Amino acid sequence: MGKGNLNELKREAFEVNIRLVQEKLVVLTWGNASAIDRSAGIMAIKPSGIPYASLTWKDMVLVDILGETIDSKLKPSSDTLTHLEIYKGFKHIGGIVHTHAPWSTIWAQSGKSIPALGTTHADHFFGEVPCLKCLTPKQVNAGYEKETGIQLVNHFHKNKINPLHIPACLLAGHASFVWGLDINKALENAIALESCAHMAYHTVILNNSAKLPKHILDKHFERKHGKNAYYGQ
């Protein structure tokens, strides 16, 4: 892979990391985004602990599929191994966003999945966004970040959840990981997740028995994502 293409991968990751702040999904350094070049087996991700205000595209860290840093004096995000496990487990995705955005994190800290309560949710997620259990002490000791990614991928595979139909997951006591076919789609899904989490929280307060009929959920998801989708131009 040429240097120009690597620089483009860095720029792409940088632009979405900055958008996380602009979209109010991140405060301080509570988040990161990554993009991967599948053909080269290289990921670009935010460096660990660097304030967004001082971040430049050149600061993005390139990492190979084994987690080894390529040509950078900065350490990659502490969540790097989680990102890599998700990429390895979900072969068709090209970008990942991780944030501690308030509303989705509230659901995660409560240990609750985000239910599909309306058509807004159904336009982006084909069912509830699952919340996984906290890692066990054994998993944490084995490698917290790597085991986080393994747990997430295993849950989707075990439960036969299509990661492109539900491109997000909550981790109990932690926050969310969101992905997409590319990094910009991952950002869009992260914005949608936060908005749906916000609405779901208040919906449950007003009516804790609220439920979206399955045929409405199916219709709204399929008209936007199905083989006969007709939403948009």
C-alpha atoms as a PDB file:
ATOM      1  CA  MET A   1       0.000   0.000   0.000  1.00  0.00           C
ATOM      2  CA  GLY A   2       1.457   3.375  -1.007  1.00  0.00           C
ATOM      3  CA  LYS A   3       2.169   6.199   1.400  1.00  0.00           C
ATOM      4  CA  GLY A   4      -0.460   8.330  -0.301  1.00  0.00           C
ATOM      5  CA  ASN A   5      -3.131   5.742   0.404  1.00  0.00           C
ATOM      6  CA  LEU A   6      -1.983   5.431   4.013  1.00  0.00           C
ATOM      7  CA  ASN A   7      -2.207   9.196   4.391  1.00  0.00           C
ATOM      8  CA  GLU A   8      -5.728   9.091   2.950  1.00  0.00           C
ATOM      9  CA  LEU A   9      -6.662   6.426   5.498  1.00  0.00           C
ATOM     10  CA  LYS A  10      -5.296   8.667   8.260  1.00  0.00           C
ATOM     11  CA  ARG A  11      -7.220  11.694   6.968  1.00  0.00           C
ATOM     12  CA  GLU A  12     -10.430   9.694   6.786  1.00  0.00           C
ATOM     13  CA  ALA A  13     -10.047   8.514  10.384  1.00  0.00           C
ATOM     14  CA  PHE A  14      -9.074  12.002  11.554  1.00  0.00           C
ATOM     15  CA  GLU A  15     -12.113  13.668   9.990  1.00  0.00           C
ATOM     16  CA  VAL A  16     -14.528  11.291  11.677  1.00  0.00           C
ATOM     17  CA  ASN A  17     -12.782  11.592  15.035  1.00  0.00           C
ATOM     18  CA  ILE A  18     -13.266  15.366  14.823  1.00  0.00           C
ATOM     19  CA  ARG A  19     -16.896  14.884  13.836  1.00  0.00           C
ATOM     20  CA  LEU A  20     -17.428  12.932  17.065  1.00  0.00           C
ATOM     21  CA  VAL A  21     -16.776  16.147  18.979  1.00  0.00           C
ATOM     22  CA  GLN A  22     -18.846  18.276  16.602  1.00  0.00           C
ATOM     23  CA  GLU A  23     -21.789  15.905  16.951  1.00  0.00           C
ATOM     24  CA  LYS A  24     -21.473  16.054  20.755  1.00  0.00           C
ATOM     25  CA  LEU A  25     -20.778  12.330  21.020  1.00  0.00           C
ATOM     26  CA  VAL A  26     -17.459  12.932  22.811  1.00  0.00           C
ATOM     27  CA  VAL A  27     -16.214  15.111  25.647  1.00  0.00           C
ATOM     28  CA  LEU A  28     -12.586  15.238  26.813  1.00  0.00           C
ATOM     29  CA  THR A  29     -10.998  12.147  25.205  1.00  0.00           C
ATOM     30  CA  TRP A  30     -13.916   9.740  25.777  1.00  0.00           C
ATOM     31  CA  GLY A  31     -14.011   8.110  22.389  1.00  0.00           C
ATOM     32  CA  ASN A  32     -12.249   7.056  19.227  1.00  0.00           C
ATOM     33  CA  ALA A  33     -12.909   6.098  15.632  1.00  0.00           C
ATOM     34  CA  SER A  34     -10.996   3.862  13.275  1.00  0.00           C
ATOM     35  CA  ALA A  35     -10.941   3.009   9.575  1.00  0.00           C
ATOM     36  CA  ILE A  36      -9.430  -0.089   8.013  1.00  0.00           C
ATOM     37  CA  ASP A  37      -7.916  -0.859   4.638  1.00  0.00           C
ATOM     38  CA  ARG A  38      -8.791  -4.532   4.224  1.00  0.00           C
ATOM     39  CA  SER A  39      -6.467  -5.155   1.295  1.00  0.00           C
ATOM     40  CA  ALA A  40      -3.462  -3.853   3.209  1.00  0.00           C
ATOM     41  CA  GLY A  41      -4.523  -5.183   6.614  1.00  0.00           C
ATOM     42  CA  ILE A  42      -3.901  -1.763   8.173  1.00  0.00           C
ATOM     43  CA  MET A  43      -6.105   0.273  10.510  1.00  0.00           C
ATOM     44  CA  ALA A  44      -5.906   4.002  11.289  1.00  0.00           C
ATOM     45  CA  ILE A  45      -7.070   4.988  14.782  1.00  0.00           C
ATOM     46  CA  LYS A  46      -6.907   7.932  17.164  1.00  0.00           C
ATOM     47  CA  PRO A  47      -3.820   8.083  19.397  1.00  0.00           C
ATOM     48  CA  SER A  48      -4.394   7.396  23.087  1.00  0.00           C
ATOM     49  CA  GLY A  49      -5.217  10.331  25.343  1.00  0.00           C
ATOM     50  CA  ILE A  50      -4.499  13.118  22.857  1.00  0.00           C
ATOM     51  CA  PRO A  51      -6.979  16.017  23.259  1.00  0.00           C
ATOM     52  CA  TYR A  52      -9.149  16.512  20.204  1.00  0.00           C
ATOM     53  CA  ALA A  53      -8.350  20.225  20.121  1.00  0.00           C
ATOM     54  CA  SER A  54      -4.695  19.523  19.374  1.00  0.00           C
ATOM     55  CA  LEU A  55      -5.231  16.530  17.094  1.00  0.00           C
ATOM     56  CA  THR A  56      -4.038  16.581  13.470  1.00  0.00           C
ATOM     57  CA  TRP A  57      -4.476  14.018  10.717  1.00  0.00           C
ATOM     58  CA  LYS A  58      -0.790  13.165  10.959  1.00  0.00           C
ATOM     59  CA  ASP A  59      -1.353  12.051  14.571  1.00  0.00           C
ATOM     60  CA  MET A  60      -3.555   9.146  13.507  1.00  0.00           C
ATOM     61  CA  VAL A  61      -1.779   5.897  14.318  1.00  0.00           C
ATOM     62  CA  LEU A  62      -1.474   3.092  11.780  1.00  0.00           C
ATOM     63  CA  VAL A  63      -1.737  -0.409  13.215  1.00  0.00           C
ATOM     64  CA  ASP A  64      -1.505  -3.782  11.496  1.00  0.00           C
ATOM     65  CA  ILE A  65      -3.976  -6.600  12.077  1.00  0.00           C
ATOM     66  CA  LEU A  66      -1.775  -8.016  14.862  1.00  0.00           C
ATOM     67  CA  GLY A  67      -1.872  -4.710  16.739  1.00  0.00           C
ATOM     68  CA  GLU A  68       1.673  -3.628  15.897  1.00  0.00           C
ATOM     69  CA  THR A  69       2.128   0.121  15.417  1.00  0.00           C
ATOM     70  CA  ILE A  70       3.434   1.223  12.023  1.00  0.00           C
ATOM     71  CA  ASP A  71       5.585   4.331  11.658  1.00  0.00           C
ATOM     72  CA  SER A  72       4.341   6.374  14.628  1.00  0.00           C
ATOM     73  CA  LYS A  73       5.838   7.642  17.880  1.00  0.00           C
ATOM     74  CA  LEU A  74       2.361   7.896  19.412  1.00  0.00           C
ATOM     75  CA  LYS A  75       0.550   5.032  21.094  1.00  0.00           C
ATOM     76  CA  PRO A  76      -2.726   3.992  19.483  1.00  0.00           C
ATOM     77  CA  SER A  77      -6.010   4.174  21.388  1.00  0.00           C
ATOM     78  CA  SER A  78      -6.250   1.914  24.412  1.00  0.00           C
ATOM     79  CA  ASP A  79      -9.281   0.355  22.647  1.00  0.00           C
ATOM     80  CA  THR A  80      -7.197  -0.731  19.648  1.00  0.00           C
ATOM     81  CA  LEU A  81      -7.415  -4.462  20.360  1.00  0.00           C
ATOM     82  CA  THR A  82     -11.198  -4.231  20.688  1.00  0.00           C
ATOM     83  CA  HIS A  83     -11.412  -2.568  17.279  1.00  0.00           C
ATOM     84  CA  LEU A  84      -9.190  -5.232  15.732  1.00  0.00           C
ATOM     85  CA  GLU A  85     -11.269  -8.108  17.126  1.00  0.00           C
ATOM     86  CA  ILE A  86     -14.433  -6.529  15.738  1.00  0.00           C
ATOM     87  CA  TYR A  87     -12.814  -6.111  12.323  1.00  0.00           C
ATOM     88  CA  LYS A  88     -11.639  -9.719  12.380  1.00  0.00           C
ATOM     89  CA  GLY A  89     -15.076 -10.972  13.418  1.00  0.00           C
ATOM     90  CA  PHE A  90     -17.185  -8.829  11.071  1.00  0.00           C
ATOM     91  CA  LYS A  91     -15.513  -9.159   7.669  1.00  0.00           C
ATOM     92  CA  HIS A  92     -17.661  -6.665   5.771  1.00  0.00           C
ATOM     93  CA  ILE A  93     -17.254  -3.583   7.964  1.00  0.00           C
ATOM     94  CA  GLY A  94     -14.803  -0.770   7.251  1.00  0.00           C
ATOM     95  CA  GLY A  95     -15.135   1.600  10.204  1.00  0.00           C
ATOM     96  CA  ILE A  96     -15.769   1.560  13.959  1.00  0.00           C
ATOM     97  CA  VAL A  97     -16.821   4.300  16.375  1.00  0.00           C
ATOM     98  CA  HIS A  98     -16.569   4.010  20.161  1.00  0.00           C
ATOM     99  CA  THR A  99     -17.898   6.765  22.407  1.00  0.00           C
ATOM    100  CA  HIS A 100     -19.212   7.347  25.900  1.00  0.00           C
ATOM    101  CA  ALA A 101     -22.050   9.500  24.573  1.00  0.00           C
ATOM    102  CA  PRO A 102     -24.484  10.107  27.462  1.00  0.00           C
ATOM    103  CA  TRP A 103     -27.746   8.438  26.471  1.00  0.00           C
ATOM    104  CA  SER A 104     -26.362   5.222  25.032  1.00  0.00           C
ATOM    105  CA  THR A 105     -23.944   5.034  27.961  1.00  0.00           C
ATOM    106  CA  ILE A 106     -26.840   5.414  30.410  1.00  0.00           C
ATOM    107  CA  TRP A 107     -28.390   2.271  28.923  1.00  0.00           C
ATOM    108  CA  ALA A 108     -25.030   0.493  29.083  1.00  0.00           C
ATOM    109  CA  GLN A 109     -24.447   1.493  32.692  1.00  0.00           C
ATOM    110  CA  SER A 110     -27.928   0.211  33.507  1.00  0.00           C
ATOM    111  CA  GLY A 111     -27.072  -3.095  31.842  1.00  0.00           C
ATOM    112  CA  LYS A 112     -30.086  -2.805  29.553  1.00  0.00           C
ATOM    113  CA  SER A 113     -30.458  -3.325  25.824  1.00  0.00           C
ATOM    114  CA  ILE A 114     -32.041  -0.460  23.871  1.00  0.00           C
ATOM    115  CA  PRO A 115     -35.472  -1.686  22.740  1.00  0.00           C
ATOM    116  CA  ALA A 116     -36.906  -0.975  19.299  1.00  0.00           C
ATOM    117  CA  LEU A 117     -39.813   1.264  20.237  1.00  0.00           C
ATOM    118  CA  GLY A 118     -40.417   3.270  17.091  1.00  0.00           C
ATOM    119  CA  THR A 119     -39.803   3.647  13.404  1.00  0.00           C
ATOM    120  CA  THR A 120     -36.818   5.935  13.950  1.00  0.00           C
ATOM    121  CA  HIS A 121     -35.020   3.046  15.618  1.00  0.00           C
ATOM    122  CA  ALA A 122     -36.243   0.622  12.950  1.00  0.00           C
ATOM    123  CA  ASP A 123     -34.780   2.782  10.178  1.00  0.00           C
ATOM    124  CA  HIS A 124     -31.297   2.052  11.539  1.00  0.00           C
ATOM    125  CA  PHE A 125     -31.430  -1.048  13.756  1.00  0.00           C
ATOM    126  CA  PHE A 126     -33.387  -4.202  12.961  1.00  0.00           C
ATOM    127  CA  GLY A 127     -34.342  -4.924  16.565  1.00  0.00           C
ATOM    128  CA  GLU A 128     -33.019  -4.099  19.998  1.00  0.00           C
ATOM    129  CA  VAL A 129     -29.409  -3.005  20.393  1.00  0.00           C
ATOM    130  CA  PRO A 130     -28.018  -5.652  22.770  1.00  0.00           C
ATOM    131  CA  CYS A 131     -26.246  -4.905  26.018  1.00  0.00           C
ATOM    132  CA  LEU A 132     -23.694  -7.552  26.965  1.00  0.00           C
ATOM    133  CA  LYS A 133     -22.766  -8.585  30.481  1.00  0.00           C
ATOM    134  CA  CYS A 134     -19.662  -7.285  32.221  1.00  0.00           C
ATOM    135  CA  LEU A 135     -16.523  -9.268  31.566  1.00  0.00           C
ATOM    136  CA  THR A 136     -15.556 -11.820  34.193  1.00  0.00           C
ATOM    137  CA  PRO A 137     -12.382 -11.372  36.282  1.00  0.00           C
ATOM    138  CA  LYS A 138     -10.820 -14.141  34.187  1.00  0.00           C
ATOM    139  CA  GLN A 139     -11.582 -12.284  30.953  1.00  0.00           C
ATOM    140  CA  VAL A 140     -10.263  -9.001  32.332  1.00  0.00           C
ATOM    141  CA  ASN A 141      -7.029 -10.640  33.445  1.00  0.00           C
ATOM    142  CA  ALA A 142      -6.649 -12.393  30.083  1.00  0.00           C
ATOM    143  CA  GLY A 143      -6.658  -9.039  28.288  1.00  0.00           C
ATOM    144  CA  TYR A 144      -9.462  -6.545  28.871  1.00  0.00           C
ATOM    145  CA  GLU A 145      -9.616  -4.839  25.472  1.00  0.00           C
ATOM    146  CA  LYS A 146      -9.091  -7.971  23.385  1.00  0.00           C
ATOM    147  CA  GLU A 147     -11.622  -9.961  25.419  1.00  0.00           C
ATOM    148  CA  THR A 148     -14.143  -7.129  25.035  1.00  0.00           C
ATOM    149  CA  GLY A 149     -13.972  -7.493  21.266  1.00  0.00           C
ATOM    150  CA  ILE A 150     -14.097 -11.288  21.427  1.00  0.00           C
ATOM    151  CA  GLN A 151     -17.174 -11.216  23.688  1.00  0.00           C
ATOM    152  CA  LEU A 152     -18.944  -8.783  21.368  1.00  0.00           C
ATOM    153  CA  VAL A 153     -18.242 -10.764  18.191  1.00  0.00           C
ATOM    154  CA  ASN A 154     -19.118 -14.086  19.844  1.00  0.00           C
ATOM    155  CA  HIS A 155     -22.470 -12.717  21.006  1.00  0.00           C
ATOM    156  CA  PHE A 156     -23.438 -11.718  17.482  1.00  0.00           C
ATOM    157  CA  HIS A 157     -22.303 -15.006  15.967  1.00  0.00           C
ATOM    158  CA  LYS A 158     -23.870 -17.170  18.693  1.00  0.00           C
ATOM    159  CA  ASN A 159     -27.216 -15.393  18.427  1.00  0.00           C
ATOM    160  CA  LYS A 160     -27.097 -15.213  14.621  1.00  0.00           C
ATOM    161  CA  ILE A 161     -27.339 -11.410  14.635  1.00  0.00           C
ATOM    162  CA  ASN A 162     -26.380  -9.810  11.333  1.00  0.00           C
ATOM    163  CA  PRO A 163     -23.868  -7.070  12.292  1.00  0.00           C
ATOM    164  CA  LEU A 164     -24.963  -4.985   9.307  1.00  0.00           C
ATOM    165  CA  HIS A 165     -28.608  -5.142  10.458  1.00  0.00           C
ATOM    166  CA  ILE A 166     -27.776  -4.193  14.045  1.00  0.00           C
ATOM    167  CA  PRO A 167     -24.500  -2.253  13.682  1.00  0.00           C
ATOM    168  CA  ALA A 168     -24.073  -1.438  17.368  1.00  0.00           C
ATOM    169  CA  CYS A 169     -23.618  -3.044  20.754  1.00  0.00           C
ATOM    170  CA  LEU A 170     -23.589  -1.874  24.371  1.00  0.00           C
ATOM    171  CA  LEU A 171     -21.221  -3.201  27.009  1.00  0.00           C
ATOM    172  CA  ALA A 172     -22.608  -3.248  30.545  1.00  0.00           C
ATOM    173  CA  GLY A 173     -20.970  -0.693  32.795  1.00  0.00           C
ATOM    174  CA  HIS A 174     -19.032   0.686  29.848  1.00  0.00           C
ATOM    175  CA  ALA A 175     -20.443   2.252  26.673  1.00  0.00           C
ATOM    176  CA  SER A 176     -21.107   1.506  22.999  1.00  0.00           C
ATOM    177  CA  PHE A 177     -19.265   0.256  19.944  1.00  0.00           C
ATOM    178  CA  VAL A 178     -20.807   1.067  16.578  1.00  0.00           C
ATOM    179  CA  TRP A 179     -19.681   0.116  13.075  1.00  0.00           C
ATOM    180  CA  GLY A 180     -20.533   0.395   9.395  1.00  0.00           C
ATOM    181  CA  LEU A 181     -19.492  -0.521   5.885  1.00  0.00           C
ATOM    182  CA  ASP A 182     -17.106   2.437   6.090  1.00  0.00           C
ATOM    183  CA  ILE A 183     -16.111   4.887   8.789  1.00  0.00           C
ATOM    184  CA  ASN A 184     -18.631   7.526   7.690  1.00  0.00           C
ATOM    185  CA  LYS A 185     -21.455   5.005   7.915  1.00  0.00           C
ATOM    186  CA  ALA A 186     -20.178   4.040  11.370  1.00  0.00           C
ATOM    187  CA  LEU A 187     -20.429   7.713  12.375  1.00  0.00           C
ATOM    188  CA  GLU A 188     -23.980   7.930  11.014  1.00  0.00           C
ATOM    189  CA  ASN A 189     -24.929   4.825  12.996  1.00  0.00           C
ATOM    190  CA  ALA A 190     -23.359   6.267  16.154  1.00  0.00           C
ATOM    191  CA  ILE A 191     -25.401   9.467  15.763  1.00  0.00           C
ATOM    192  CA  ALA A 192     -28.542   7.396  15.217  1.00  0.00           C
ATOM    193  CA  LEU A 193     -27.797   5.203  18.241  1.00  0.00           C
ATOM    194  CA  GLU A 194     -27.453   8.182  20.568  1.00  0.00           C
ATOM    195  CA  SER A 195     -30.699   9.725  19.339  1.00  0.00           C
ATOM    196  CA  CYS A 196     -32.578   6.417  19.619  1.00  0.00           C
ATOM    197  CA  ALA A 197     -31.177   5.853  23.117  1.00  0.00           C
ATOM    198  CA  HIS A 198     -32.400   9.307  24.146  1.00  0.00           C
ATOM    199  CA  MET A 199     -35.906   8.717  22.800  1.00  0.00           C
ATOM    200  CA  ALA A 200     -36.128   5.192  24.189  1.00  0.00           C
ATOM    201  CA  TYR A 201     -35.223   6.375  27.685  1.00  0.00           C
ATOM    202  CA  HIS A 202     -38.054   8.899  27.768  1.00  0.00           C
ATOM    203  CA  THR A 203     -40.481   6.548  26.027  1.00  0.00           C
ATOM    204  CA  VAL A 204     -39.984   3.933  28.736  1.00  0.00           C
ATOM    205  CA  ILE A 205     -40.551   6.567  31.430  1.00  0.00           C
ATOM    206  CA  LEU A 206     -43.852   7.602  29.841  1.00  0.00           C
ATOM    207  CA  ASN A 207     -44.967   4.055  29.015  1.00  0.00           C
ATOM    208  CA  ASN A 208     -42.897   1.129  30.238  1.00  0.00           C
ATOM    209  CA  SER A 209     -45.013  -1.290  28.214  1.00  0.00           C
ATOM    210  CA  ALA A 210     -44.498   0.514  24.895  1.00  0.00           C
ATOM    211  CA  LYS A 211     -43.775  -1.842  22.011  1.00  0.00           C
ATOM    212  CA  LEU A 212     -43.361  -1.506  18.248  1.00  0.00           C
ATOM    213  CA  PRO A 213     -45.274  -4.184  16.290  1.00  0.00           C
ATOM    214  CA  LYS A 214     -42.920  -6.508  14.415  1.00  0.00           C
ATOM    215  CA  HIS A 215     -44.557  -5.878  11.046  1.00  0.00           C
ATOM    216  CA  ILE A 216     -43.874  -2.138  11.418  1.00  0.00           C
ATOM    217  CA  LEU A 217     -40.269  -2.803  12.469  1.00  0.00           C
ATOM    218  CA  ASP A 218     -39.837  -5.103   9.458  1.00  0.00           C
ATOM    219  CA  LYS A 219     -41.399  -2.633   7.032  1.00  0.00           C
ATOM    220  CA  HIS A 220     -39.300   0.337   8.104  1.00  0.00           C
ATOM    221  CA  PHE A 221     -36.026  -1.562   8.089  1.00  0.00           C
ATOM    222  CA  GLU A 222     -36.691  -3.296   4.787  1.00  0.00           C
ATOM    223  CA  ARG A 223     -37.802  -0.166   2.939  1.00  0.00           C
ATOM    224  CA  LYS A 224     -34.414   1.370   3.708  1.00  0.00           C
ATOM    225  CA  HIS A 225     -32.088  -1.661   3.771  1.00  0.00           C
ATOM    226  CA  GLY A 226     -33.887  -4.579   2.117  1.00  0.00           C
ATOM    227  CA  LYS A 227     -33.310  -5.940  -1.387  1.00  0.00           C
ATOM    228  CA  ASN A 228     -36.329  -3.954  -2.618  1.00  0.00           C
ATOM    229  CA  ALA A 229     -35.484  -0.795  -0.630  1.00  0.00           C
ATOM    230  CA  TYR A 230     -37.110   2.344  -1.970  1.00  0.00           C
ATOM    231  CA  TYR A 231     -36.125   4.992   0.591  1.00  0.00           C
ATOM    232  CA  GLY A 232     -34.088   7.909  -0.785  1.00  0.00           C
ATOM    233  CA  GLN A 233     -32.927   8.744  -4.296  1.00  0.00           C
END
